[in-house]
């Protein structure tokens, strides 16, 4: 009994690994996360070209976008149980996640529940290309060189904690929630970033709607809202 978790990468279906595509094509049941009932799963959408819907069952599992982990436990347990039921039925089962399963992924919670309640299931984790590496390739940007340090931050959380982390890094990568980038930009001088520090922001990395722009920090000062989508990425480098 084996379950394969596949990292689907940043959005371009051609950036899936060969192993991921092989497991996907061999699957009987394909699960992917969504934020609410009836909303298309982004992960399933990424791999749609590889799915044979006449012979494969595709199911979206709801993981509400909430910060309160206590209220999410019920969803983690329920979804893990549904996945386990399919594995126990003897089917080839895969779970999809955008990016890589090990970085800010719903998979972490599902995996914990599976380990605790269904420990006899063999689990295979197939890594995926993360948005920050796809972003760096598209922007022709080096994230770090020599002894430079890198910080990875979900920008939507405690701004003081963000400042403390950013102040110790040469390059800071802000993931997930572009709606908060304006507040983060105005915090950066307090974290020691000079006005000529380079700020590169991207939306929809690796797909046709991709937008990337680079500015000096001084150009973005006094911005309160940047108008970015939830799934955006911002990289700030000390000059």
Protein backbone atom coordinates (compact mmCIF):
# COMPACT_ATOMS: atom_id res chain seq x y z
CA UNK A 1 0.00 0.00 0.00
CA UNK A 2 1.72 3.14 -1.21
CA UNK A 3 0.77 6.76 -1.50
CA UNK A 4 2.80 9.17 -3.64
CA UNK A 5 2.86 12.87 -2.87
CA UNK A 6 3.91 14.84 -5.95
CA UNK A 7 5.29 18.36 -5.91
CA UNK A 8 3.73 20.02 -8.98
CA UNK A 9 6.10 22.97 -9.21
CA UNK A 10 5.16 26.64 -9.69
CA UNK A 11 2.54 26.28 -12.41
CA UNK A 12 4.16 25.28 -15.69
CA UNK A 13 3.23 21.61 -16.31
CA UNK A 14 6.54 21.11 -18.13
CA UNK A 15 8.39 21.76 -14.85
CA UNK A 16 7.13 18.54 -13.26
CA UNK A 17 9.75 15.87 -12.69
CA UNK A 18 9.81 12.74 -14.84
CA UNK A 19 9.14 10.64 -11.72
CA UNK A 20 6.17 12.81 -10.82
CA UNK A 21 4.63 12.42 -14.26
CA UNK A 22 5.19 8.65 -14.19
CA UNK A 23 3.43 8.31 -10.81
CA UNK A 24 0.63 10.59 -11.94
CA UNK A 25 -0.06 8.61 -15.11
CA UNK A 26 -0.07 5.35 -13.14
CA UNK A 27 -2.55 6.63 -10.54
CA UNK A 28 -6.10 5.39 -10.15
CA UNK A 29 -7.10 8.20 -7.79
CA UNK A 30 -5.67 11.72 -7.75
CA UNK A 31 -6.20 14.08 -4.81
CA UNK A 32 -5.44 17.80 -4.79
CA UNK A 33 -6.07 20.57 -2.24
CA UNK A 34 -8.46 23.48 -2.66
CA UNK A 35 -9.33 26.34 -0.34
CA UNK A 36 -13.11 25.90 -0.50
CA UNK A 37 -15.83 23.60 -1.80
CA UNK A 38 -16.44 24.01 -5.52
CA UNK A 39 -13.22 25.91 -6.20
CA UNK A 40 -10.80 24.35 -8.66
CA UNK A 41 -7.63 22.92 -7.16
CA UNK A 42 -4.61 24.82 -8.46
CA UNK A 43 -2.44 21.72 -8.18
CA UNK A 44 -4.88 19.63 -10.21
CA UNK A 45 -5.05 22.40 -12.80
CA UNK A 46 -1.27 22.34 -13.21
CA UNK A 47 -1.19 18.64 -14.12
CA UNK A 48 -4.47 18.49 -16.07
CA UNK A 49 -2.71 17.69 -19.37
CA UNK A 50 -1.37 14.46 -17.85
CA UNK A 51 -4.70 13.26 -16.41
CA UNK A 52 -6.91 10.72 -18.18
CA UNK A 53 -10.31 11.56 -16.73
CA UNK A 54 -11.98 8.60 -18.41
CA UNK A 55 -9.88 6.17 -16.41
CA UNK A 56 -8.68 8.18 -13.40
CA UNK A 57 -10.70 9.55 -10.49
CA UNK A 58 -9.88 13.12 -9.49
CA UNK A 59 -10.94 14.54 -6.13
CA UNK A 60 -10.39 17.97 -4.55
CA UNK A 61 -9.93 18.07 -0.76
CA UNK A 62 -10.88 21.26 1.10
CA UNK A 63 -8.21 22.96 3.22
CA UNK A 64 -9.63 26.35 4.30
CA UNK A 65 -7.19 29.26 4.24
CA UNK A 66 -7.13 30.09 7.94
CA UNK A 67 -4.29 30.96 10.31
CA UNK A 68 -5.98 29.28 13.29
CA UNK A 69 -4.50 25.78 13.22
CA UNK A 70 -6.88 24.45 15.87
CA UNK A 71 -9.87 24.99 13.59
CA UNK A 72 -8.11 23.16 10.76
CA UNK A 73 -7.35 19.93 12.60
CA UNK A 74 -10.73 18.46 11.68
CA UNK A 75 -10.03 19.02 7.98
CA UNK A 76 -6.56 17.46 8.25
CA UNK A 77 -7.94 14.35 9.93
CA UNK A 78 -10.87 14.02 7.53
CA UNK A 79 -8.74 14.43 4.40
CA UNK A 80 -6.05 12.05 5.65
CA UNK A 81 -8.75 9.45 6.36
CA UNK A 82 -10.21 9.82 2.86
CA UNK A 83 -6.78 9.37 1.29
CA UNK A 84 -6.06 6.34 3.48
CA UNK A 85 -9.39 4.75 2.56
CA UNK A 86 -8.47 4.96 -1.13
CA UNK A 87 -5.04 3.45 -0.47
CA UNK A 88 -6.56 0.58 1.53
CA UNK A 89 -8.91 -0.16 -1.37
CA UNK A 90 -5.87 -1.27 -3.34
CA UNK A 91 -5.79 1.71 -5.69
CA UNK A 92 -2.73 3.62 -6.88
CA UNK A 93 -3.14 6.95 -5.11
CA UNK A 94 -1.35 10.29 -5.47
CA UNK A 95 -1.68 13.56 -3.61
CA UNK A 96 -0.71 16.74 -5.44
CA UNK A 97 0.70 19.93 -3.99
CA UNK A 98 1.84 23.15 -5.65
CA UNK A 99 5.59 23.77 -5.45
CA UNK A 100 7.41 21.34 -3.19
CA UNK A 101 5.74 19.21 -0.47
CA UNK A 102 8.28 20.31 2.15
CA UNK A 103 7.79 24.10 1.90
CA UNK A 104 4.63 25.78 3.27
CA UNK A 105 2.48 22.93 1.99
CA UNK A 106 -0.81 21.43 3.15
CA UNK A 107 0.97 18.13 2.71
CA UNK A 108 2.84 18.60 6.01
CA UNK A 109 -0.42 18.32 7.95
CA UNK A 110 -1.76 15.41 5.92
CA UNK A 111 1.54 13.57 6.33
CA UNK A 112 1.47 14.01 10.11
CA UNK A 113 -2.05 12.58 10.33
CA UNK A 114 -1.16 9.65 8.07
CA UNK A 115 1.91 8.83 10.16
CA UNK A 116 -0.08 8.91 13.38
CA UNK A 117 -3.26 7.11 12.30
CA UNK A 118 -2.31 5.05 9.23
CA UNK A 119 1.32 4.16 9.83
CA UNK A 120 1.17 1.00 7.71
CA UNK A 121 0.83 3.03 4.51
CA UNK A 122 4.09 3.43 2.62
CA UNK A 123 4.57 7.06 1.64
CA UNK A 124 6.70 8.32 -1.22
CA UNK A 125 7.43 12.04 -1.50
CA UNK A 126 8.47 13.38 -4.90
CA UNK A 127 9.98 16.88 -4.73
CA UNK A 128 8.93 19.72 -7.00
CA UNK A 129 10.48 22.94 -8.25
CA UNK A 130 9.60 25.79 -5.89
CA UNK A 131 8.35 29.19 -7.04
CA UNK A 132 11.48 30.93 -5.76
CA UNK A 133 13.79 28.89 -7.98
CA UNK A 134 11.52 29.21 -11.00
CA UNK A 135 11.32 32.93 -10.23
CA UNK A 136 15.11 33.26 -10.06
CA UNK A 137 15.47 31.49 -13.40
CA UNK A 138 12.87 33.71 -15.09
CA UNK A 139 14.29 36.91 -13.57
CA UNK A 140 17.89 35.85 -14.36
CA UNK A 141 18.62 36.53 -10.70
CA UNK A 142 21.16 34.96 -8.35
CA UNK A 143 19.53 34.47 -4.96
CA UNK A 144 22.82 34.13 -3.07
CA UNK A 145 26.55 34.12 -3.71
CA UNK A 146 29.57 33.18 -1.61
CA UNK A 147 28.79 33.60 2.08
CA UNK A 148 25.55 35.54 1.63
CA UNK A 149 22.65 34.43 3.80
CA UNK A 150 19.07 33.88 2.63
CA UNK A 151 15.82 34.17 4.57
CA UNK A 152 12.47 32.69 3.46
CA UNK A 153 9.42 34.40 4.95
CA UNK A 154 5.65 34.07 4.52
CA UNK A 155 4.96 37.81 4.36
CA UNK A 156 1.44 37.58 5.76
CA UNK A 157 2.47 37.02 9.37
CA UNK A 158 3.83 39.08 12.29
CA UNK A 159 5.59 42.11 10.76
CA UNK A 160 7.95 42.50 13.75
CA UNK A 161 9.07 38.91 13.39
CA UNK A 162 9.55 39.54 9.67
CA UNK A 163 11.74 42.57 10.46
CA UNK A 164 13.90 40.59 12.88
CA UNK A 165 14.48 37.86 10.32
CA UNK A 166 15.12 40.25 7.42
CA UNK A 167 17.67 42.24 9.43
CA UNK A 168 20.03 39.23 9.57
CA UNK A 169 19.90 38.28 5.87
CA UNK A 170 21.53 39.50 2.66
CA UNK A 171 18.65 38.24 0.53
CA UNK A 172 15.07 37.87 1.74
CA UNK A 173 12.44 35.86 -0.14
CA UNK A 174 8.83 36.70 0.69
CA UNK A 175 6.35 34.02 -0.35
CA UNK A 176 2.64 33.35 -0.52
CA UNK A 177 0.74 36.56 0.18
CA UNK A 178 1.47 39.49 -2.12
CA UNK A 179 -1.34 41.57 -0.60
CA UNK A 180 0.99 42.38 2.32
CA UNK A 181 4.04 43.38 0.27
CA UNK A 182 3.34 47.11 0.72
CA UNK A 183 3.65 46.81 4.49
CA UNK A 184 6.78 44.71 4.13
CA UNK A 185 8.41 47.23 1.77
CA UNK A 186 7.90 50.05 4.27
CA UNK A 187 9.45 47.89 7.00
CA UNK A 188 12.66 47.11 5.09
CA UNK A 189 14.61 50.31 5.96
CA UNK A 190 14.10 49.43 9.63
CA UNK A 191 15.69 46.05 8.86
CA UNK A 192 18.81 47.76 7.49
CA UNK A 193 18.06 47.72 3.76
CA UNK A 194 19.33 50.83 1.97
CA UNK A 195 17.27 52.84 -0.52
CA UNK A 196 19.20 51.33 -3.45
CA UNK A 197 18.46 47.74 -2.41
CA UNK A 198 16.88 45.82 -5.30
CA UNK A 199 13.30 44.60 -4.99
CA UNK A 200 11.97 42.12 -7.55
CA UNK A 201 8.29 41.16 -7.47
CA UNK A 202 6.58 38.49 -9.55
CA UNK A 203 3.08 37.11 -10.05
CA UNK A 204 2.03 33.86 -11.73
CA UNK A 205 5.59 32.60 -12.07
CA UNK A 206 6.23 30.21 -14.99
CA UNK A 207 2.83 30.60 -16.70
CA UNK A 208 1.62 32.82 -19.56
CA UNK A 209 0.27 35.52 -17.19
CA UNK A 210 3.68 35.90 -15.52
CA UNK A 211 4.67 39.43 -14.47
CA UNK A 212 8.12 40.35 -13.13
CA UNK A 213 9.45 43.79 -12.27
CA UNK A 214 12.57 45.05 -10.49
CA UNK A 215 12.83 48.38 -8.67
CA UNK A 216 15.07 50.08 -6.17
CA UNK A 217 13.61 50.22 -2.70
CA UNK A 218 13.38 54.04 -2.83
CA UNK A 219 10.95 53.77 -5.75
CA UNK A 220 8.53 51.72 -3.68
CA UNK A 221 8.59 53.71 -0.44
CA UNK A 222 5.27 54.98 0.95
CA UNK A 223 3.43 52.15 -0.80
CA UNK A 224 0.78 50.68 1.48
CA UNK A 225 -0.73 48.16 -0.93
CA UNK A 226 1.01 46.79 -4.01
CA UNK A 227 -2.03 45.13 -5.57
CA UNK A 228 -0.30 41.79 -5.85
CA UNK A 229 -2.18 38.51 -5.94
CA UNK A 230 -2.11 36.07 -3.05
CA UNK A 231 0.32 33.81 -4.91
CA UNK A 232 3.14 36.26 -5.46
CA UNK A 233 6.82 36.34 -4.62
CA UNK A 234 9.15 39.19 -3.70
CA UNK A 235 12.94 39.01 -3.42
CA UNK A 236 14.90 41.81 -1.76
CA UNK A 237 18.70 41.97 -2.04
CA UNK A 238 21.04 44.27 -0.18
CA UNK A 239 23.01 46.41 -2.61
